[in-house]
C-alpha atoms as a PDB file:
ATOM      1  CA  MET A   1     -24.188  68.524  68.030  1.00  0.00           C
ATOM      2  CA  ALA A   2     -27.703  70.321  68.205  1.00  0.00           C
ATOM      3  CA  ASP A   3     -29.958  70.219  65.318  1.00  0.00           C
ATOM      4  CA  LYS A   4     -30.127  73.371  63.349  1.00  0.00           C
ATOM      5  CA  MET A   5     -33.474  75.145  63.873  1.00  0.00           C
ATOM      6  CA  LYS A   6     -35.831  75.125  61.077  1.00  0.00           C
ATOM      7  CA  THR A   7     -36.116  78.528  59.635  1.00  0.00           C
ATOM      8  CA  CYS A   8     -39.350  80.509  58.664  1.00  0.00           C
ATOM      9  CA  LEU A   9     -40.081  84.121  57.192  1.00  0.00           C
ATOM     10  CA  ILE A  10     -43.288  85.332  57.419  1.00  0.00           C
ATOM     11  CA  LEU A  11     -44.661  88.532  55.708  1.00  0.00           C
ATOM     12  CA  GLY A  12     -47.043  90.483  56.923  1.00  0.00           C
ATOM     13  CA  SER A  13     -49.014  93.409  55.372  1.00  0.00           C
ATOM     14  CA  ALA A  14     -48.056  96.427  57.367  1.00  0.00           C
ATOM     15  CA  PRO A  15     -46.563  98.951  55.011  1.00  0.00           C
ATOM     16  CA  VAL A  16     -42.850  98.808  53.725  1.00  0.00           C
ATOM     17  CA  GLY A  17     -40.801 101.151  51.867  1.00  0.00           C
ATOM     18  CA  ASP A  18     -37.447  99.571  50.602  1.00  0.00           C
ATOM     19  CA  VAL A  19     -37.915  95.739  50.815  1.00  0.00           C
ATOM     20  CA  SER A  20     -34.104  95.102  50.136  1.00  0.00           C
ATOM     21  CA  PHE A  21     -33.709  94.158  53.797  1.00  0.00           C
ATOM     22  CA  ILE A  22     -35.692  91.093  53.153  1.00  0.00           C
ATOM     23  CA  ARG A  23     -32.968  89.407  50.998  1.00  0.00           C
ATOM     24  CA  GLU A  24     -30.459  88.862  53.964  1.00  0.00           C
ATOM     25  CA  PHE A  25     -33.367  86.882  55.452  1.00  0.00           C
ATOM     26  CA  LEU A  26     -33.581  84.937  52.215  1.00  0.00           C
ATOM     27  CA  LYS A  27     -30.285  83.653  52.253  1.00  0.00           C
ATOM     28  CA  GLU A  28     -30.882  80.792  54.524  1.00  0.00           C
ATOM     29  CA  ASN A  29     -33.488  79.805  52.184  1.00  0.00           C
ATOM     30  CA  PRO A  30     -36.438  79.681  55.016  1.00  0.00           C
ATOM     31  CA  PHE A  31     -40.058  78.275  54.505  1.00  0.00           C
ATOM     32  CA  VAL A  32     -41.959  81.368  53.488  1.00  0.00           C
ATOM     33  CA  ILE A  33     -45.733  82.198  54.615  1.00  0.00           C
ATOM     34  CA  CYS A  34     -47.628  85.309  53.506  1.00  0.00           C
ATOM     35  CA  ALA A  35     -50.153  86.442  56.363  1.00  0.00           C
ATOM     36  CA  ASP A  36     -52.769  87.652  54.388  1.00  0.00           C
ATOM     37  CA  GLY A  37     -51.693  91.205  52.597  1.00  0.00           C
ATOM     38  CA  GLY A  38     -48.247  89.805  52.974  1.00  0.00           C
ATOM     39  CA  VAL A  39     -49.224  88.390  49.663  1.00  0.00           C
ATOM     40  CA  ASP A  40     -48.411  91.510  47.681  1.00  0.00           C
ATOM     41  CA  LEU A  41     -45.245  92.224  49.895  1.00  0.00           C
ATOM     42  CA  ALA A  42     -43.964  88.782  48.524  1.00  0.00           C
ATOM     43  CA  ARG A  43     -44.472  89.778  44.980  1.00  0.00           C
ATOM     44  CA  ARG A  44     -42.917  93.001  45.479  1.00  0.00           C
ATOM     45  CA  CYS A  45     -39.907  90.925  46.525  1.00  0.00           C
ATOM     46  CA  GLY A  46     -40.071  88.595  43.843  1.00  0.00           C
ATOM     47  CA  VAL A  47     -40.320  85.894  46.301  1.00  0.00           C
ATOM     48  CA  THR A  48     -42.927  82.742  45.691  1.00  0.00           C
ATOM     49  CA  PRO A  49     -44.493  81.501  49.146  1.00  0.00           C
ATOM     50  CA  ASP A  50     -44.779  78.417  50.397  1.00  0.00           C
ATOM     51  CA  LEU A  51     -48.071  79.189  52.380  1.00  0.00           C
ATOM     52  CA  ILE A  52     -50.336  81.793  52.138  1.00  0.00           C
ATOM     53  CA  ILE A  53     -52.860  82.169  55.194  1.00  0.00           C
ATOM     54  CA  GLY A  54     -55.577  84.830  56.300  1.00  0.00           C
ATOM     55  CA  ASP A  55     -58.933  85.942  55.668  1.00  0.00           C
ATOM     56  CA  PHE A  56     -57.440  87.937  53.183  1.00  0.00           C
ATOM     57  CA  ASP A  57     -59.411  91.366  53.607  1.00  0.00           C
ATOM     58  CA  SER A  58     -56.047  93.056  52.879  1.00  0.00           C
ATOM     59  CA  VAL A  59     -54.936  91.573  49.690  1.00  0.00           C
ATOM     60  CA  GLN A  60     -54.748  93.799  46.819  1.00  0.00           C
ATOM     61  CA  GLY A  61     -53.599  91.664  44.152  1.00  0.00           C
ATOM     62  CA  GLU A  62     -54.657  87.970  43.045  1.00  0.00           C
ATOM     63  CA  LEU A  63     -53.663  85.058  45.221  1.00  0.00           C
ATOM     64  CA  GLN A  64     -51.525  82.281  43.580  1.00  0.00           C
ATOM     65  CA  ALA A  65     -53.414  79.291  42.530  1.00  0.00           C
ATOM     66  CA  ASP A  66     -50.374  77.135  42.766  1.00  0.00           C
ATOM     67  CA  VAL A  67     -49.525  77.879  46.357  1.00  0.00           C
ATOM     68  CA  GLU A  68     -50.604  76.170  49.155  1.00  0.00           C
ATOM     69  CA  CYS A  69     -53.519  78.265  51.131  1.00  0.00           C
ATOM     70  CA  ILE A  70     -55.140  78.087  54.517  1.00  0.00           C
ATOM     71  CA  ARG A  71     -58.279  80.472  54.654  1.00  0.00           C
ATOM     72  CA  LEU A  72     -59.401  81.879  57.704  1.00  0.00           C
ATOM     73  CA  PRO A  73     -62.721  83.149  58.797  1.00  0.00           C
ATOM     74  CA  VAL A  74     -63.046  86.745  59.117  1.00  0.00           C
ATOM     75  CA  MET A  75     -64.461  86.550  62.535  1.00  0.00           C
ATOM     76  CA  LYS A  76     -61.520  84.860  64.812  1.00  0.00           C
ATOM     77  CA  ASP A  77     -59.834  85.129  67.633  1.00  0.00           C
ATOM     78  CA  ASP A  78     -55.917  85.090  66.187  1.00  0.00           C
ATOM     79  CA  THR A  79     -54.524  87.787  63.921  1.00  0.00           C
ATOM     80  CA  ASP A  80     -53.580  86.653  60.926  1.00  0.00           C
ATOM     81  CA  THR A  81     -49.842  86.861  61.836  1.00  0.00           C
ATOM     82  CA  MET A  82     -50.660  84.643  65.180  1.00  0.00           C
ATOM     83  CA  ALA A  83     -52.040  82.128  62.799  1.00  0.00           C
ATOM     84  CA  ALA A  84     -49.185  82.148  60.576  1.00  0.00           C
ATOM     85  CA  VAL A  85     -47.087  81.822  63.947  1.00  0.00           C
ATOM     86  CA  LYS A  86     -48.613  78.793  64.862  1.00  0.00           C
ATOM     87  CA  THR A  87     -49.008  77.036  61.531  1.00  0.00           C
ATOM     88  CA  ALA A  88     -44.896  77.538  61.384  1.00  0.00           C
ATOM     89  CA  LEU A  89     -44.525  76.215  64.758  1.00  0.00           C
ATOM     90  CA  GLU A  90     -46.967  73.132  64.163  1.00  0.00           C
ATOM     91  CA  ARG A  91     -44.542  72.311  60.925  1.00  0.00           C
ATOM     92  CA  ASP A  92     -41.123  72.747  63.608  1.00  0.00           C
ATOM     93  CA  TYR A  93     -40.327  75.805  62.478  1.00  0.00           C
ATOM     94  CA  THR A  94     -38.892  77.325  65.375  1.00  0.00           C
ATOM     95  CA  ASP A  95     -36.378  79.965  63.824  1.00  0.00           C
ATOM     96  CA  ILE A  96     -39.101  82.837  62.816  1.00  0.00           C
ATOM     97  CA  VAL A  97     -38.736  86.310  61.144  1.00  0.00           C
ATOM     98  CA  LEU A  98     -41.463  88.438  60.819  1.00  0.00           C
ATOM     99  CA  ALA A  99     -41.512  91.143  58.268  1.00  0.00           C
ATOM    100  CA  GLY A 100     -44.195  93.747  57.342  1.00  0.00           C
ATOM    101  CA  VAL A 101     -45.394  93.644  60.868  1.00  0.00           C
ATOM    102  CA  LEU A 102     -44.050  96.771  62.053  1.00  0.00           C
ATOM    103  CA  GLY A 103     -45.386 100.141  61.240  1.00  0.00           C
ATOM    104  CA  GLY A 104     -49.102 100.740  59.789  1.00  0.00           C
ATOM    105  CA  ARG A 105     -51.439 100.526  62.701  1.00  0.00           C
ATOM    106  CA  LEU A 106     -50.049 100.978  65.919  1.00  0.00           C
ATOM    107  CA  ASP A 107     -52.492  98.315  67.696  1.00  0.00           C
ATOM    108  CA  HIS A 108     -51.336  95.343  65.274  1.00  0.00           C
ATOM    109  CA  THR A 109     -47.817  96.351  65.972  1.00  0.00           C
ATOM    110  CA  PHE A 110     -48.128  96.062  69.831  1.00  0.00           C
ATOM    111  CA  ALA A 111     -50.498  92.517  68.801  1.00  0.00           C
ATOM    112  CA  ASN A 112     -47.114  91.736  66.880  1.00  0.00           C
ATOM    113  CA  PHE A 113     -44.941  92.338  69.972  1.00  0.00           C
ATOM    114  CA  CYS A 114     -47.122  89.618  71.990  1.00  0.00           C
ATOM    115  CA  VAL A 115     -47.070  87.297  68.802  1.00  0.00           C
ATOM    116  CA  LEU A 116     -42.842  87.663  69.428  1.00  0.00           C
ATOM    117  CA  GLN A 117     -43.288  86.731  73.197  1.00  0.00           C
ATOM    118  CA  TYR A 118     -45.536  83.732  72.052  1.00  0.00           C
ATOM    119  CA  ILE A 119     -42.894  82.218  69.899  1.00  0.00           C
ATOM    120  CA  GLN A 120     -40.274  82.213  72.920  1.00  0.00           C
ATOM    121  CA  GLN A 121     -43.008  80.613  75.365  1.00  0.00           C
ATOM    122  CA  GLN A 122     -43.075  78.077  72.760  1.00  0.00           C
ATOM    123  CA  GLY A 123     -39.576  77.293  72.700  1.00  0.00           C
ATOM    124  CA  GLY A 124     -38.753  79.157  69.400  1.00  0.00           C
ATOM    125  CA  LYS A 125     -36.681  82.133  68.594  1.00  0.00           C
ATOM    126  CA  GLY A 126     -38.143  85.390  66.983  1.00  0.00           C
ATOM    127  CA  GLN A 127     -37.278  88.597  65.591  1.00  0.00           C
ATOM    128  CA  MET A 128     -39.297  91.274  63.973  1.00  0.00           C
ATOM    129  CA  ALA A 129     -37.676  93.601  61.199  1.00  0.00           C
ATOM    130  CA  ASP A 130     -38.079  96.322  58.582  1.00  0.00           C
ATOM    131  CA  GLU A 131     -36.021  98.730  57.054  1.00  0.00           C
ATOM    132  CA  THR A 132     -34.849 100.286  60.099  1.00  0.00           C
ATOM    133  CA  THR A 133     -35.325  98.250  62.821  1.00  0.00           C
ATOM    134  CA  ARG A 134     -34.908  94.793  64.771  1.00  0.00           C
ATOM    135  CA  VAL A 135     -37.014  93.656  67.512  1.00  0.00           C
ATOM    136  CA  PHE A 136     -36.162  90.784  69.849  1.00  0.00           C
ATOM    137  CA  TYR A 137     -38.073  89.609  72.896  1.00  0.00           C
ATOM    138  CA  ILE A 138     -35.892  87.727  75.710  1.00  0.00           C
ATOM    139  CA  SER A 139     -37.054  86.229  79.052  1.00  0.00           C
ATOM    140  CA  GLY A 140     -34.636  85.192  81.157  1.00  0.00           C
ATOM    141  CA  GLY A 141     -31.857  84.758  78.495  1.00  0.00           C
ATOM    142  CA  LYS A 142     -29.168  86.973  76.304  1.00  0.00           C
ATOM    143  CA  LEU A 143     -28.975  88.506  72.977  1.00  0.00           C
ATOM    144  CA  THR A 144     -25.769  88.789  71.676  1.00  0.00           C
ATOM    145  CA  LEU A 145     -25.563  91.380  68.473  1.00  0.00           C
ATOM    146  CA  ARG A 146     -22.289  91.319  66.498  1.00  0.00           C
ATOM    147  CA  GLU A 147     -20.915  93.433  63.748  1.00  0.00           C
ATOM    148  CA  LEU A 148     -23.269  96.421  64.649  1.00  0.00           C
ATOM    149  CA  GLU A 149     -21.107  99.328  65.869  1.00  0.00           C
ATOM    150  CA  GLY A 150     -23.015 102.698  66.034  1.00  0.00           C
ATOM    151  CA  LYS A 151     -26.440 101.333  66.065  1.00  0.00           C
ATOM    152  CA  THR A 152     -28.766 102.338  68.629  1.00  0.00           C
ATOM    153  CA  VAL A 153     -30.231  99.717  71.315  1.00  0.00           C
ATOM    154  CA  SER A 154     -33.385 100.450  73.509  1.00  0.00           C
ATOM    155  CA  VAL A 155     -34.756  98.065  76.035  1.00  0.00           C
ATOM    156  CA  PHE A 156     -38.431  97.784  77.545  1.00  0.00           C
ATOM    157  CA  PRO A 157     -39.782  95.756  80.018  1.00  0.00           C
ATOM    158  CA  PHE A 158     -42.628  93.888  78.364  1.00  0.00           C
ATOM    159  CA  ALA A 159     -45.727  92.363  79.992  1.00  0.00           C
ATOM    160  CA  CYS A 160     -44.216  92.692  83.457  1.00  0.00           C
ATOM    161  CA  HIS A 161     -43.781  95.408  86.276  1.00  0.00           C
ATOM    162  CA  ARG A 162     -39.955  95.235  85.505  1.00  0.00           C
ATOM    163  CA  CYS A 163     -36.862  93.372  84.270  1.00  0.00           C
ATOM    164  CA  VAL A 164     -33.403  93.309  85.326  1.00  0.00           C
ATOM    165  CA  VAL A 165     -30.342  93.668  82.934  1.00  0.00           C
ATOM    166  CA  SER A 166     -26.788  93.793  82.283  1.00  0.00           C
ATOM    167  CA  TYR A 167     -24.963  95.236  79.039  1.00  0.00           C
ATOM    168  CA  THR A 168     -21.786  94.544  77.701  1.00  0.00           C
ATOM    169  CA  GLY A 169     -20.299  96.204  74.679  1.00  0.00           C
ATOM    170  CA  LEU A 170     -22.677  99.113  75.042  1.00  0.00           C
ATOM    171  CA  LEU A 171     -21.763 102.943  75.735  1.00  0.00           C
ATOM    172  CA  TYR A 172     -23.597 102.942  78.756  1.00  0.00           C
ATOM    173  CA  PRO A 173     -23.180  99.845  80.440  1.00  0.00           C
ATOM    174  CA  LEU A 174     -25.468  98.128  83.183  1.00  0.00           C
ATOM    175  CA  THR A 175     -24.941  95.540  85.651  1.00  0.00           C
ATOM    176  CA  LYS A 176     -28.267  93.758  86.970  1.00  0.00           C
ATOM    177  CA  GLN A 177     -30.056  97.196  86.590  1.00  0.00           C
ATOM    178  CA  ALA A 178     -33.881  97.321  87.222  1.00  0.00           C
ATOM    179  CA  LEU A 179     -36.016  98.695  84.170  1.00  0.00           C
ATOM    180  CA  TYR A 180     -39.708  99.836  85.512  1.00  0.00           C
ATOM    181  CA  THR A 181     -42.633 100.244  83.304  1.00  0.00           C
ATOM    182  CA  ASP A 182     -43.861 103.310  85.762  1.00  0.00           C
ATOM    183  CA  ALA A 183     -40.686 105.120  85.832  1.00  0.00           C
ATOM    184  CA  SER A 184     -38.281 106.940  83.241  1.00  0.00           C
ATOM    185  CA  PRO A 185     -37.622 104.929  80.465  1.00  0.00           C
ATOM    186  CA  MET A 186     -34.079 104.343  81.279  1.00  0.00           C
ATOM    187  CA  GLY A 187     -33.462 101.688  78.591  1.00  0.00           C
ATOM    188  CA  VAL A 188     -34.089 103.899  75.690  1.00  0.00           C
ATOM    189  CA  SER A 189     -31.163 104.989  72.933  1.00  0.00           C
ATOM    190  CA  ASN A 190     -27.897 103.507  74.170  1.00  0.00           C
ATOM    191  CA  GLU A 191     -25.316 102.859  71.389  1.00  0.00           C
ATOM    192  CA  ILE A 192     -23.101  99.797  70.652  1.00  0.00           C
ATOM    193  CA  VAL A 193     -19.792 100.357  70.718  1.00  0.00           C
ATOM    194  CA  GLU A 194     -18.011  97.246  70.180  1.00  0.00           C
ATOM    195  CA  LYS A 195     -17.905  94.591  67.801  1.00  0.00           C
ATOM    196  CA  GLU A 196     -19.784  92.022  70.175  1.00  0.00           C
ATOM    197  CA  ALA A 197     -22.240  93.430  72.350  1.00  0.00           C
ATOM    198  CA  SER A 198     -25.063  91.477  74.585  1.00  0.00           C
ATOM    199  CA  VAL A 199     -28.250  92.372  76.709  1.00  0.00           C
ATOM    200  CA  LEU A 200     -28.817  89.901  79.305  1.00  0.00           C
ATOM    201  CA  VAL A 201     -31.936  89.890  81.194  1.00  0.00           C
ATOM    202  CA  HIS A 202     -31.675  88.510  84.627  1.00  0.00           C
ATOM    203  CA  GLU A 203     -35.236  88.700  85.508  1.00  0.00           C
ATOM    204  CA  GLY A 204     -38.536  89.201  83.766  1.00  0.00           C
ATOM    205  CA  ASN A 205     -39.008  89.879  80.050  1.00  0.00           C
ATOM    206  CA  ALA A 206     -37.424  92.560  77.851  1.00  0.00           C
ATOM    207  CA  LEU A 207     -38.319  93.925  74.250  1.00  0.00           C
ATOM    208  CA  ILE A 208     -35.191  95.041  72.890  1.00  0.00           C
ATOM    209  CA  MET A 209     -34.825  97.348  69.616  1.00  0.00           C
ATOM    210  CA  VAL A 210     -32.100  97.872  67.351  1.00  0.00           C
ATOM    211  CA  LEU A 211     -31.966 100.698  65.023  1.00  0.00           C
ATOM    212  CA  MET A 212     -29.997  99.631  62.102  1.00  0.00           C
ATOM    213  CA  GLN A 213     -29.128 103.035  61.002  1.00  0.00           C
ATOM    214  CA  LYS A 214     -26.392 104.793  62.585  1.00  0.00           C
ATOM    215  CA  SER A 215     -27.087 107.004  65.392  1.00  0.00           C
END
């Protein structure tokens, strides 16, 4: 039997309203890393992080003195979120959830899509989450979605000109259909209609966005 992937929850500083969605990711007792202002999000959730990392230019409250801290220079190549991910991977945490990384500044959100791609390139599994959305990155593989009937799914090529996909369990099924970056966004706003649905990426890379509110 394969070893179970070690789980890490990384909290970022993007605006979050209702923090209750984070509780589902705490059930696995993950290693919790706060990336910079994610310290404030952890405080709102009542969570004590295992590690805090960043240049701390966006922290509103005080840093906890009894928590491991990695202080980064303000002038650096990696974002605080990327530094948190690299640290998690170095410590063998390969199942990584990123919360508090969607919304807020658009450039930071796009940078975090790149972070999601990096996780898979390093052999890990990642997802981004907020109150309404889950985002996954798939390259030449399959994402299975269970017990999500009525939810909206959108698929977009990412870091490539096109991706080729097949869907099962969705209102509009596709079989080895090419989705392009320079044409109509065909992959937007599908709907899960079965207890188990899947998106299979045959070629290229895809960002898969699941809206957790019913369509």
